[in-house]
Amino acid sequence: MEPKNDAAVSCKQIETTREGWAEASKDIAEAGDDALLVGEFANSSDAELSW
């Protein structure tokens, strides 16, 4: 949707959601640039989980 002349106009989606993400993530991993930017962290309910 986009505004046009004070109306909401529905437009055809140009690309598929997340199109190309799988290939991009492989390229990042192959380049060795896939380190976490934010370290791992626990959630408040982790103690209640069982695996």
PDB file of N, CA and C in Angstrom:
ATOM      1  N   MET A   1       0.841  -1.175   0.000  1.00  0.00           N
ATOM      2  CA  MET A   1       0.000   0.000   0.000  1.00  0.00           C
ATOM      3  C   MET A   1       0.887   1.239   0.000  1.00  0.00           C
ATOM      4  N   GLU A   2       0.408   2.232  -0.673  1.00  0.00           N
ATOM      5  CA  GLU A   2       1.099   3.517  -0.652  1.00  0.00           C
ATOM      6  C   GLU A   2       0.067   4.636  -0.730  1.00  0.00           C
ATOM      7  N   PRO A   3       0.360   5.746  -0.073  1.00  0.00           N
ATOM      8  CA  PRO A   3      -0.589   6.860  -0.126  1.00  0.00           C
ATOM      9  C   PRO A   3      -0.522   7.549  -1.486  1.00  0.00           C
ATOM     10  N   LYS A   4      -1.685   7.890  -2.009  1.00  0.00           N
ATOM     11  CA  LYS A   4      -1.734   8.616  -3.275  1.00  0.00           C
ATOM     12  C   LYS A   4      -3.011   9.440  -3.288  1.00  0.00           C
ATOM     13  N   ASN A   5      -2.857  10.744  -3.369  1.00  0.00           N
ATOM     14  CA  ASN A   5      -4.011  11.652  -3.392  1.00  0.00           C
ATOM     15  C   ASN A   5      -4.967  11.377  -2.236  1.00  0.00           C
ATOM     16  N   ASP A   6      -4.430  11.277  -1.026  1.00  0.00           N
ATOM     17  CA  ASP A   6      -5.223  11.045   0.187  1.00  0.00           C
ATOM     18  C   ASP A   6      -5.982   9.724   0.171  1.00  0.00           C
ATOM     19  N   ALA A   7      -5.494   8.735  -0.560  1.00  0.00           N
ATOM     20  CA  ALA A   7      -6.117   7.406  -0.583  1.00  0.00           C
ATOM     21  C   ALA A   7      -5.025   6.357  -0.458  1.00  0.00           C
ATOM     22  N   ALA A   8      -5.369   5.210   0.079  1.00  0.00           N
ATOM     23  CA  ALA A   8      -4.426   4.099   0.161  1.00  0.00           C
ATOM     24  C   ALA A   8      -4.566   3.278  -1.114  1.00  0.00           C
ATOM     25  N   VAL A   9      -3.470   3.131  -1.836  1.00  0.00           N
ATOM     26  CA  VAL A   9      -3.483   2.419  -3.106  1.00  0.00           C
ATOM     27  C   VAL A   9      -2.707   1.122  -2.937  1.00  0.00           C
ATOM     28  N   SER A  10      -3.323   0.014  -3.294  1.00  0.00           N
ATOM     29  CA  SER A  10      -2.678  -1.290  -3.206  1.00  0.00           C
ATOM     30  C   SER A  10      -1.828  -1.501  -4.452  1.00  0.00           C
ATOM     31  N   CYS A  11      -0.565  -1.883  -4.243  1.00  0.00           N
ATOM     32  CA  CYS A  11       0.357  -2.083  -5.358  1.00  0.00           C
ATOM     33  C   CYS A  11       0.815  -3.533  -5.391  1.00  0.00           C
ATOM     34  N   LYS A  12       1.167  -4.005  -6.559  1.00  0.00           N
ATOM     35  CA  LYS A  12       1.706  -5.349  -6.706  1.00  0.00           C
ATOM     36  C   LYS A  12       3.053  -5.416  -5.988  1.00  0.00           C
ATOM     37  N   GLN A  13       3.257  -6.499  -5.239  1.00  0.00           N
ATOM     38  CA  GLN A  13       4.521  -6.684  -4.536  1.00  0.00           C
ATOM     39  C   GLN A  13       5.613  -6.931  -5.563  1.00  0.00           C
ATOM     40  N   ILE A  14       6.705  -6.214  -5.438  1.00  0.00           N
ATOM     41  CA  ILE A  14       7.776  -6.283  -6.423  1.00  0.00           C
ATOM     42  C   ILE A  14       8.603  -7.557  -6.279  1.00  0.00           C
ATOM     43  N   GLU A  15       8.903  -7.955  -5.064  1.00  0.00           N
ATOM     44  CA  GLU A  15       9.700  -9.163  -4.865  1.00  0.00           C
ATOM     45  C   GLU A  15       9.134  -9.975  -3.715  1.00  0.00           C
ATOM     46  N   THR A  16       9.526 -11.217  -3.675  1.00  0.00           N
ATOM     47  CA  THR A  16       9.080 -12.108  -2.621  1.00  0.00           C
ATOM     48  C   THR A  16       9.769 -11.736  -1.315  1.00  0.00           C
ATOM     49  N   THR A  17       9.046 -11.822  -0.217  1.00  0.00           N
ATOM     50  CA  THR A  17       9.625 -11.536   1.087  1.00  0.00           C
ATOM     51  C   THR A  17      10.838 -12.428   1.320  1.00  0.00           C
ATOM     52  N   ARG A  18      11.900 -11.835   1.773  1.00  0.00           N
ATOM     53  CA  ARG A  18      13.161 -12.516   2.081  1.00  0.00           C
ATOM     54  C   ARG A  18      13.800 -13.193   0.863  1.00  0.00           C
ATOM     55  N   GLU A  19      13.451 -12.740  -0.315  1.00  0.00           N
ATOM     56  CA  GLU A  19      14.039 -13.303  -1.528  1.00  0.00           C
ATOM     57  C   GLU A  19      15.546 -13.075  -1.512  1.00  0.00           C
ATOM     58  N   GLY A  20      16.314 -14.119  -1.712  1.00  0.00           N
ATOM     59  CA  GLY A  20      17.764 -14.025  -1.773  1.00  0.00           C
ATOM     60  C   GLY A  20      18.472 -14.115  -0.434  1.00  0.00           C
ATOM     61  N   TRP A  21      17.709 -14.187   0.666  1.00  0.00           N
ATOM     62  CA  TRP A  21      18.340 -14.227   1.990  1.00  0.00           C
ATOM     63  C   TRP A  21      19.170 -15.492   2.187  1.00  0.00           C
ATOM     64  N   ALA A  22      18.697 -16.633   1.727  1.00  0.00           N
ATOM     65  CA  ALA A  22      19.429 -17.891   1.919  1.00  0.00           C
ATOM     66  C   ALA A  22      20.788 -17.819   1.231  1.00  0.00           C
ATOM     67  N   GLU A  23      20.804 -17.349  -0.004  1.00  0.00           N
ATOM     68  CA  GLU A  23      22.057 -17.239  -0.744  1.00  0.00           C
ATOM     69  C   GLU A  23      22.987 -16.220  -0.090  1.00  0.00           C
ATOM     70  N   ALA A  24      22.432 -15.114   0.359  1.00  0.00           N
ATOM     71  CA  ALA A  24      23.247 -14.080   1.001  1.00  0.00           C
ATOM     72  C   ALA A  24      23.872 -14.595   2.290  1.00  0.00           C
ATOM     73  N   SER A  25      23.108 -15.370   3.062  1.00  0.00           N
ATOM     74  CA  SER A  25      23.656 -15.890   4.315  1.00  0.00           C
ATOM     75  C   SER A  25      24.769 -16.897   4.046  1.00  0.00           C
ATOM     76  N   LYS A  26      24.654 -17.677   2.980  1.00  0.00           N
ATOM     77  CA  LYS A  26      25.729 -18.606   2.609  1.00  0.00           C
ATOM     78  C   LYS A  26      26.984 -17.833   2.227  1.00  0.00           C
ATOM     79  N   ASP A  27      26.819 -16.765   1.467  1.00  0.00           N
ATOM     80  CA  ASP A  27      27.964 -15.937   1.075  1.00  0.00           C
ATOM     81  C   ASP A  27      28.652 -15.334   2.295  1.00  0.00           C
ATOM     82  N   ILE A  28      27.868 -14.879   3.258  1.00  0.00           N
ATOM     83  CA  ILE A  28      28.420 -14.299   4.482  1.00  0.00           C
ATOM     84  C   ILE A  28      29.203 -15.354   5.257  1.00  0.00           C
ATOM     85  N   ALA A  29      28.629 -16.559   5.383  1.00  0.00           N
ATOM     86  CA  ALA A  29      29.302 -17.635   6.112  1.00  0.00           C
ATOM     87  C   ALA A  29      30.598 -18.037   5.416  1.00  0.00           C
ATOM     88  N   GLU A  30      30.564 -18.148   4.090  1.00  0.00           N
ATOM     89  CA  GLU A  30      31.768 -18.523   3.340  1.00  0.00           C
ATOM     90  C   GLU A  30      32.867 -17.477   3.487  1.00  0.00           C
ATOM     91  N   ALA A  31      32.486 -16.228   3.640  1.00  0.00           N
ATOM     92  CA  ALA A  31      33.461 -15.149   3.811  1.00  0.00           C
ATOM     93  C   ALA A  31      33.984 -15.083   5.242  1.00  0.00           C
ATOM     94  N   GLY A  32      33.391 -15.895   6.152  1.00  0.00           N
ATOM     95  CA  GLY A  32      33.828 -15.895   7.542  1.00  0.00           C
ATOM     96  C   GLY A  32      33.336 -14.689   8.322  1.00  0.00           C
ATOM     97  N   ASP A  33      32.313 -14.043   7.818  1.00  0.00           N
ATOM     98  CA  ASP A  33      31.804 -12.826   8.455  1.00  0.00           C
ATOM     99  C   ASP A  33      30.472 -13.084   9.151  1.00  0.00           C
ATOM    100  N   ASP A  34      30.357 -14.263   9.779  1.00  0.00           N
ATOM    101  CA  ASP A  34      29.078 -14.644  10.382  1.00  0.00           C
ATOM    102  C   ASP A  34      29.132 -14.709  11.911  1.00  0.00           C
ATOM    103  N   ALA A  35      30.055 -13.973  12.510  1.00  0.00           N
ATOM    104  CA  ALA A  35      30.144 -13.948  13.972  1.00  0.00           C
ATOM    105  C   ALA A  35      28.961 -13.171  14.549  1.00  0.00           C
ATOM    106  N   LEU A  36      28.532 -13.571  15.744  1.00  0.00           N
ATOM    107  CA  LEU A  36      27.433 -12.870  16.400  1.00  0.00           C
ATOM    108  C   LEU A  36      27.857 -11.449  16.753  1.00  0.00           C
ATOM    109  N   LEU A  37      26.998 -10.487  16.476  1.00  0.00           N
ATOM    110  CA  LEU A  37      27.284  -9.103  16.842  1.00  0.00           C
ATOM    111  C   LEU A  37      26.906  -8.842  18.291  1.00  0.00           C
ATOM    112  N   VAL A  38      25.884  -9.538  18.764  1.00  0.00           N
ATOM    113  CA  VAL A  38      25.439  -9.448  20.148  1.00  0.00           C
ATOM    114  C   VAL A  38      25.622 -10.839  20.735  1.00  0.00           C
ATOM    115  N   GLY A  39      26.293 -10.942  21.848  1.00  0.00           N
ATOM    116  CA  GLY A  39      26.528 -12.244  22.457  1.00  0.00           C
ATOM    117  C   GLY A  39      25.240 -12.956  22.826  1.00  0.00           C
ATOM    118  N   GLU A  40      25.355 -14.248  23.100  1.00  0.00           N
ATOM    119  CA  GLU A  40      24.180 -15.011  23.509  1.00  0.00           C
ATOM    120  C   GLU A  40      23.690 -14.506  24.857  1.00  0.00           C
ATOM    121  N   PHE A  41      22.396 -14.581  25.072  1.00  0.00           N
ATOM    122  CA  PHE A  41      21.830 -14.126  26.335  1.00  0.00           C
ATOM    123  C   PHE A  41      20.673 -15.036  26.709  1.00  0.00           C
ATOM    124  N   ALA A  42      20.438 -15.152  27.993  1.00  0.00           N
ATOM    125  CA  ALA A  42      19.377 -16.025  28.494  1.00  0.00           C
ATOM    126  C   ALA A  42      18.045 -15.286  28.527  1.00  0.00           C
ATOM    127  N   ASN A  43      16.976 -16.059  28.525  1.00  0.00           N
ATOM    128  CA  ASN A  43      15.628 -15.519  28.705  1.00  0.00           C
ATOM    129  C   ASN A  43      15.172 -15.841  30.119  1.00  0.00           C
ATOM    130  N   SER A  44      14.285 -15.047  30.658  1.00  0.00           N
ATOM    131  CA  SER A  44      13.854 -15.232  32.042  1.00  0.00           C
ATOM    132  C   SER A  44      13.203 -16.592  32.283  1.00  0.00           C
ATOM    133  N   SER A  45      12.641 -17.217  31.264  1.00  0.00           N
ATOM    134  CA  SER A  45      11.960 -18.503  31.453  1.00  0.00           C
ATOM    135  C   SER A  45      12.833 -19.703  31.090  1.00  0.00           C
ATOM    136  N   ASP A  46      14.119 -19.506  30.831  1.00  0.00           N
ATOM    137  CA  ASP A  46      14.985 -20.616  30.441  1.00  0.00           C
ATOM    138  C   ASP A  46      15.026 -21.732  31.474  1.00  0.00           C
ATOM    139  N   ALA A  47      14.979 -21.406  32.749  1.00  0.00           N
ATOM    140  CA  ALA A  47      15.056 -22.424  33.801  1.00  0.00           C
ATOM    141  C   ALA A  47      13.850 -23.357  33.762  1.00  0.00           C
ATOM    142  N   GLU A  48      12.742 -22.891  33.210  1.00  0.00           N
ATOM    143  CA  GLU A  48      11.524 -23.698  33.146  1.00  0.00           C
ATOM    144  C   GLU A  48      11.502 -24.642  31.945  1.00  0.00           C
ATOM    145  N   LEU A  49      12.414 -24.476  31.009  1.00  0.00           N
ATOM    146  CA  LEU A  49      12.424 -25.293  29.799  1.00  0.00           C
ATOM    147  C   LEU A  49      13.149 -26.603  30.025  1.00  0.00           C
ATOM    148  N   SER A  50      12.665 -27.644  29.385  1.00  0.00           N
ATOM    149  CA  SER A  50      13.386 -28.920  29.414  1.00  0.00           C
ATOM    150  C   SER A  50      13.519 -29.406  27.979  1.00  0.00           C
ATOM    151  N   TRP A  51      14.679 -29.937  27.653  1.00  0.00           N
ATOM    152  CA  TRP A  51      14.952 -30.374  26.289  1.00  0.00           C
ATOM    153  C   TRP A  51      15.012 -31.860  26.217  1.00  0.00           C
TER     154      TRP A  51
END
